[in-house]
Protein backbone atom coordinates (compact mmCIF):
# COMPACT_ATOMS: atom_id res chain seq x y z
CA MET A 1 -6.82 -10.28 -8.14
CA HIS A 2 -10.31 -9.51 -6.93
CA MET A 3 -11.93 -6.28 -8.03
CA SER A 4 -12.09 -5.14 -4.38
CA GLU A 5 -8.31 -5.47 -3.90
CA PRO A 6 -6.75 -2.90 -6.27
CA SER A 7 -5.85 0.48 -4.83
CA GLN A 8 -5.02 1.82 -8.29
CA ILE A 9 -6.62 1.15 -11.66
CA MET A 10 -5.34 2.12 -15.10
CA GLU A 11 -6.21 1.56 -18.74
CA ALA A 12 -3.66 0.49 -21.34
CA LEU A 13 -4.74 1.00 -24.93
CA SER A 14 -2.14 -1.34 -26.42
CA ALA A 15 -0.78 -4.78 -25.65
CA ASN A 16 2.74 -3.33 -25.48
CA GLU A 17 1.72 -0.79 -22.83
CA ALA A 18 -0.10 -3.51 -20.86
CA ASN A 19 2.96 -5.79 -21.02
CA LEU A 20 5.23 -3.01 -19.76
CA LYS A 21 2.89 -2.28 -16.86
CA MET A 22 2.68 -5.99 -15.97
CA GLN A 23 6.49 -6.08 -15.82
CA GLU A 24 6.22 -3.21 -13.29
CA GLY A 25 3.92 -5.31 -11.09
CA TRP A 26 0.49 -4.34 -12.41
CA LYS A 27 -2.02 -7.20 -12.77
CA LEU A 28 -4.35 -7.62 -15.74
CA ILE A 29 -7.96 -7.49 -14.53
CA ASN A 30 -9.90 -7.47 -17.79
CA VAL A 31 -9.81 -6.63 -21.49
CA VAL A 32 -12.79 -4.73 -22.91
CA VAL A 33 -13.62 -3.21 -26.27
CA THR A 34 -13.58 0.58 -26.61
CA THR A 35 -14.56 2.85 -29.47
CA HIS A 36 -12.07 5.49 -30.54
CA PRO A 37 -13.27 8.88 -31.84
CA ASN A 38 -12.71 7.67 -35.41
CA GLY A 39 -15.22 4.84 -34.81
CA HIS A 40 -12.68 2.00 -34.74
CA LEU A 41 -13.09 -0.65 -32.07
CA ARG A 42 -9.95 -1.32 -30.04
CA PRO A 43 -9.07 -3.41 -26.99
CA CYS A 44 -8.60 -1.65 -23.67
CA HIS A 45 -6.61 -3.53 -21.03
CA ILE A 46 -7.70 -2.81 -17.45
CA LEU A 47 -4.89 -3.22 -14.95
CA GLY A 48 -4.77 -2.93 -11.18
CA LYS A 49 -2.12 -2.53 -8.55
CA SER A 50 -2.69 -3.48 -4.91
CA LYS A 51 -1.88 -1.25 -1.97
CA ALA A 52 0.75 -3.77 -0.82
CA MET A 53 2.59 -3.40 -4.15
CA ASN A 54 2.59 0.38 -3.79
CA GLU A 55 4.02 0.15 -0.26
CA GLU A 56 6.79 -2.23 -1.44
CA GLN A 57 7.87 0.32 -4.08
CA VAL A 58 8.06 3.09 -1.46
CA ALA A 59 10.24 0.85 0.77
CA ASP A 60 12.72 0.26 -2.09
């Protein structure tokens, strides 16, 4: 998926959440490192969903 294609973007702060979203049709765009308020570094999964995917869900 190209960065110009997604019509929706979301962040998943755990691999489990990212996996669930990918099962719903979201595509993994990138994984970056974020800092939580307690100072711990954690992965942040960036996911996108295209407009076509959103329209298919409305049709169902």
